[in-house]
Amino acid sequence: MESFEIKFDESLAYPVFHVKGYYSDHTGAQVAEKANQLLRGGKVRLIIDFTECFSINSPGIASLMDLGLIVTDDFKGRLILTGLNTLCLKVLNIAGIIPFIESTPTIPEAIKQLETK
């Protein structure tokens, strides 16, 4: 199993998941577990920061799609991905994750986008 680390930050206007390393189904499961707690608690606008994520695999993509559907369909919320490197951005575009899930280059841009729509 590839290594990863998830740091969670609630100090900003919206909850942010900082993903470091490799995004797989294991990473996605941990993000989804915390995200579901937040969603059930009424926090329906979430940010996942991929600035330190170097790669994402197919099961990781599937887990992002599942989370996106839960956030947008079940909770009528929004999920924004930030800090995607060129490879991850290309893969997520090809898979159809983006534009289904929104993307911005930085966390401040994601916050601004969440506040304006």
Protein backbone atom coordinates (compact mmCIF):
# COMPACT_ATOMS: atom_id res chain seq x y z
CA MET A 1 0.00 0.00 0.00
CA GLU A 2 1.28 3.45 -0.92
CA SER A 3 1.76 5.97 1.86
CA PHE A 4 -0.55 8.88 2.45
CA GLU A 5 -1.43 11.37 5.15
CA ILE A 6 -4.57 13.39 5.67
CA LYS A 7 -4.64 16.54 7.75
CA PHE A 8 -7.96 18.12 8.55
CA ASP A 9 -8.33 21.86 9.10
CA GLU A 10 -11.44 23.60 10.41
CA SER A 11 -9.73 26.93 11.08
CA LEU A 12 -10.86 28.43 7.76
CA ALA A 13 -14.34 29.39 6.58
CA TYR A 14 -14.92 25.83 5.31
CA PRO A 15 -13.48 22.46 6.31
CA VAL A 16 -10.32 21.53 4.37
CA PHE A 17 -8.80 18.08 3.91
CA HIS A 18 -5.07 18.29 3.08
CA VAL A 19 -3.99 15.13 1.27
CA LYS A 20 -0.30 14.22 1.16
CA GLY A 21 1.14 11.34 -0.84
CA TYR A 22 -0.89 8.85 -2.84
CA TYR A 23 -4.69 9.09 -3.16
CA SER A 24 -6.14 5.58 -3.27
CA ASP A 25 -9.34 3.94 -2.11
CA HIS A 26 -7.82 3.80 1.40
CA THR A 27 -7.25 7.55 1.36
CA GLY A 28 -10.72 8.13 -0.06
CA ALA A 29 -12.30 5.97 2.65
CA GLN A 30 -10.69 8.06 5.41
CA VAL A 31 -11.72 11.33 3.74
CA ALA A 32 -15.28 10.01 3.24
CA GLU A 33 -15.59 8.93 6.87
CA LYS A 34 -14.76 12.42 8.19
CA ALA A 35 -16.72 14.12 5.40
CA ASN A 36 -19.83 12.13 6.30
CA GLN A 37 -19.53 13.27 9.91
CA LEU A 38 -19.29 16.88 8.75
CA LEU A 39 -22.18 16.51 6.31
CA ARG A 40 -24.45 14.98 8.96
CA GLY A 41 -23.46 17.91 11.22
CA GLY A 42 -24.63 20.43 8.62
CA LYS A 43 -21.29 21.36 7.05
CA VAL A 44 -22.08 20.76 3.39
CA ARG A 45 -19.35 22.82 1.69
CA LEU A 46 -16.01 21.03 1.71
CA ILE A 47 -12.54 21.49 0.21
CA ILE A 48 -9.97 18.80 -0.53
CA ASP A 49 -6.46 20.17 -1.06
CA PHE A 50 -4.21 18.05 -3.31
CA THR A 51 -1.17 20.36 -3.19
CA GLU A 52 1.00 17.60 -1.67
CA CYS A 53 -0.67 14.68 -3.45
CA PHE A 54 1.54 13.26 -6.18
CA SER A 55 -0.81 10.67 -7.72
CA ILE A 56 -4.30 9.21 -7.68
CA ASN A 57 -5.32 5.70 -8.72
CA SER A 58 -8.57 4.39 -10.24
CA PRO A 59 -10.13 3.31 -6.92
CA GLY A 60 -9.19 6.75 -5.55
CA ILE A 61 -11.01 8.38 -8.47
CA ALA A 62 -14.04 6.19 -7.79
CA SER A 63 -14.02 7.22 -4.13
CA LEU A 64 -13.94 10.91 -5.14
CA MET A 65 -16.90 10.35 -7.46
CA ASP A 66 -18.81 8.64 -4.65
CA LEU A 67 -18.04 11.47 -2.25
CA GLY A 68 -19.03 14.05 -4.86
CA LEU A 69 -22.40 12.34 -5.34
CA ILE A 70 -23.01 12.17 -1.60
CA VAL A 71 -22.12 15.84 -1.10
CA THR A 72 -24.07 17.20 -4.08
CA ASP A 73 -27.04 14.84 -4.33
CA ASP A 74 -27.68 13.62 -0.80
CA PHE A 75 -26.76 16.83 1.06
CA LYS A 76 -27.19 19.47 -1.69
CA GLY A 77 -23.70 20.72 -0.83
CA ARG A 78 -20.52 21.49 -2.75
CA LEU A 79 -17.10 19.93 -2.95
CA ILE A 80 -14.09 21.76 -4.38
CA LEU A 81 -10.71 20.22 -5.17
CA THR A 82 -7.64 22.47 -4.97
CA GLY A 83 -3.93 22.26 -5.69
CA LEU A 84 -4.16 19.52 -8.31
CA ASN A 85 -0.92 18.87 -10.18
CA THR A 86 -0.98 18.53 -13.96
CA LEU A 87 -1.23 14.72 -13.90
CA CYS A 88 -4.05 14.58 -11.34
CA LEU A 89 -5.96 17.37 -13.09
CA LYS A 90 -5.68 15.58 -16.43
CA VAL A 91 -6.77 12.22 -14.98
CA LEU A 92 -9.75 13.76 -13.17
CA ASN A 93 -10.81 15.59 -16.34
CA ILE A 94 -10.58 12.42 -18.43
CA ALA A 95 -12.57 10.49 -15.81
CA GLY A 96 -15.30 13.17 -15.83
CA ILE A 97 -14.80 14.08 -12.18
CA ILE A 98 -14.10 17.67 -13.20
CA PRO A 99 -16.32 19.63 -13.87
CA PHE A 100 -18.77 17.43 -11.91
CA ILE A 101 -16.69 18.28 -8.84
CA GLU A 102 -15.41 21.85 -8.93
CA SER A 103 -11.70 22.66 -9.01
CA THR A 104 -9.62 25.73 -8.22
CA PRO A 105 -5.86 26.22 -8.07
CA THR A 106 -5.75 27.39 -4.45
CA ILE A 107 -7.66 27.19 -1.17
CA PRO A 108 -8.39 30.96 -1.06
CA GLU A 109 -9.94 30.69 -4.54
CA ALA A 110 -12.04 27.73 -3.39
CA ILE A 111 -13.28 29.71 -0.38
CA LYS A 112 -14.16 32.64 -2.60
CA GLN A 113 -15.99 30.34 -5.01
CA LEU A 114 -17.95 28.73 -2.17
CA GLU A 115 -18.98 32.16 -0.89
CA THR A 116 -20.14 33.49 -4.27
CA LYS A 117 -22.31 30.67 -5.59
